[in-house]
Amino acid sequence: MFSDTVFPLFKGCETSIRDDQRHDANILTNFVALYNALAKIERRRGGRAYDQSADEIETFWREELKVKEGTPPRRRKRLSRKSTIDEPAHSPNQSDGTETQKSEQTGDHTN
């Protein structure tokens, strides 16, 4: 998922980004804004994937080293601090549509 790349990339480079911004306040402002927006969504949904540890960042970069030209992208392993950004947000009382799909497949329309 998109946020799985943004979070460790930002956290791993944050010190360098902040140093560069001291010299030029406009540098990487869109990337910082993207991180902040995704982190806000993550916090609102109760996730903590935006707050990467040094070990998690290192694991991210080790996985990146395995990527070879011409190979299809792989799904990243989910962190123990599960990111919720890419999951649909709905309340426990809200239908996810599976009842309708099941009844259409079986012909059972008793719902």
Protein backbone atom coordinates (compact mmCIF):
# COMPACT_ATOMS: atom_id res chain seq x y z
CA MET A 1 0.00 0.00 0.00
CA PHE A 2 1.09 3.54 -0.68
CA SER A 3 1.45 4.55 2.96
CA ASP A 4 3.66 1.52 3.63
CA THR A 5 6.35 3.25 1.55
CA VAL A 6 5.78 6.85 2.63
CA PHE A 7 6.00 6.23 6.39
CA PRO A 8 9.41 4.53 6.59
CA LEU A 9 10.83 6.72 3.82
CA PHE A 10 9.90 9.90 5.69
CA LYS A 11 10.91 8.65 9.14
CA GLY A 12 14.22 7.32 7.84
CA CYS A 13 15.06 10.63 6.15
CA GLU A 14 13.36 13.03 8.56
CA THR A 15 16.56 14.43 10.08
CA SER A 16 18.03 15.08 6.65
CA ILE A 17 14.77 16.62 5.43
CA ARG A 18 14.57 18.95 8.44
CA ASP A 19 18.24 19.96 8.00
CA ASP A 20 17.63 20.77 4.33
CA GLN A 21 14.53 22.77 5.22
CA ARG A 22 16.58 24.98 7.54
CA HIS A 23 18.50 26.13 4.44
CA ASP A 24 15.50 26.22 2.10
CA ALA A 25 12.08 26.19 3.73
CA ASN A 26 10.41 25.09 0.49
CA ILE A 27 12.40 21.92 -0.06
CA LEU A 28 10.34 18.71 0.11
CA THR A 29 7.29 20.57 1.47
CA ASN A 30 4.92 18.45 -0.62
CA PHE A 31 6.43 15.22 0.68
CA VAL A 32 6.24 16.45 4.29
CA ALA A 33 2.62 17.50 3.69
CA LEU A 34 1.86 14.06 2.23
CA TYR A 35 3.39 12.32 5.26
CA ASN A 36 1.47 14.59 7.66
CA ALA A 37 -1.82 13.97 5.84
CA LEU A 38 -1.34 10.18 5.82
CA ALA A 39 -0.22 10.20 9.47
CA LYS A 40 -3.33 12.20 10.42
CA ILE A 41 -5.56 9.61 8.73
CA GLU A 42 -3.61 6.81 10.41
CA ARG A 43 -4.00 8.38 13.86
CA ARG A 44 -7.71 9.02 13.28
CA ARG A 45 -8.19 5.33 12.44
CA GLY A 46 -6.21 4.17 15.46
CA GLY A 47 -3.14 2.94 13.57
CA ARG A 48 0.48 3.53 14.49
CA ALA A 49 2.36 2.60 11.30
CA TYR A 50 3.36 6.24 10.80
CA ASP A 51 5.69 5.96 13.80
CA GLN A 52 8.43 3.65 12.51
CA SER A 53 11.20 2.31 14.74
CA ALA A 54 14.82 2.19 13.56
CA ASP A 55 14.51 -1.60 13.10
CA GLU A 56 11.37 -1.23 10.99
CA ILE A 57 13.04 1.40 8.82
CA GLU A 58 16.08 -0.84 8.35
CA THR A 59 13.82 -3.76 7.38
CA PHE A 60 12.08 -1.51 4.84
CA TRP A 61 15.40 -0.61 3.17
CA ARG A 62 16.60 -4.22 3.20
CA GLU A 63 13.40 -5.22 1.36
CA GLU A 64 13.93 -2.37 -1.11
CA LEU A 65 17.39 -3.75 -1.92
CA LYS A 66 15.77 -6.98 -3.10
CA VAL A 67 13.76 -5.21 -5.81
CA LYS A 68 15.14 -5.91 -9.28
CA GLU A 69 14.39 -4.15 -12.55
CA GLY A 70 11.53 -5.72 -14.47
CA THR A 71 10.05 -7.65 -11.56
CA PRO A 72 6.49 -6.89 -10.51
CA PRO A 73 6.07 -5.09 -7.19
CA ARG A 74 5.47 -7.30 -4.18
CA ARG A 75 3.09 -6.63 -1.36
CA ARG A 76 5.03 -5.51 1.65
CA LYS A 77 4.83 -7.45 4.85
CA ARG A 78 2.57 -5.67 7.26
CA LEU A 79 4.18 -4.26 10.36
CA SER A 80 3.07 -5.29 13.78
CA ARG A 81 1.72 -1.77 14.03
CA LYS A 82 -0.81 -2.35 11.30
CA SER A 83 -1.50 0.52 8.97
CA THR A 84 -5.20 1.19 8.56
CA ILE A 85 -5.07 3.83 5.85
CA ASP A 86 -5.70 1.47 2.99
CA GLU A 87 -8.53 -0.39 4.68
CA PRO A 88 -12.13 0.73 4.20
CA ALA A 89 -13.47 2.74 7.09
CA HIS A 90 -16.93 1.68 8.21
CA SER A 91 -18.63 1.18 11.51
CA PRO A 92 -19.37 -2.29 12.92
CA ASN A 93 -23.06 -1.70 12.24
CA GLN A 94 -22.48 -0.76 8.61
CA SER A 95 -22.90 -3.48 6.04
CA ASP A 96 -19.88 -4.24 3.92
CA GLY A 97 -22.10 -5.46 1.10
CA THR A 98 -21.28 -9.14 1.56
CA GLU A 99 -24.86 -10.00 2.46
CA THR A 100 -26.05 -8.60 -0.88
CA GLN A 101 -23.27 -10.36 -2.77
CA LYS A 102 -24.05 -13.69 -1.06
CA SER A 103 -27.77 -13.42 -1.75
CA GLU A 104 -27.11 -12.57 -5.41
CA GLN A 105 -24.83 -15.59 -5.78
CA THR A 106 -27.19 -18.04 -4.10
CA GLY A 107 -30.45 -16.51 -5.27
CA ASP A 108 -31.51 -16.11 -1.62
CA HIS A 109 -33.18 -12.71 -1.28
CA THR A 110 -34.61 -13.11 2.25
CA ASN A 111 -32.41 -10.35 3.78
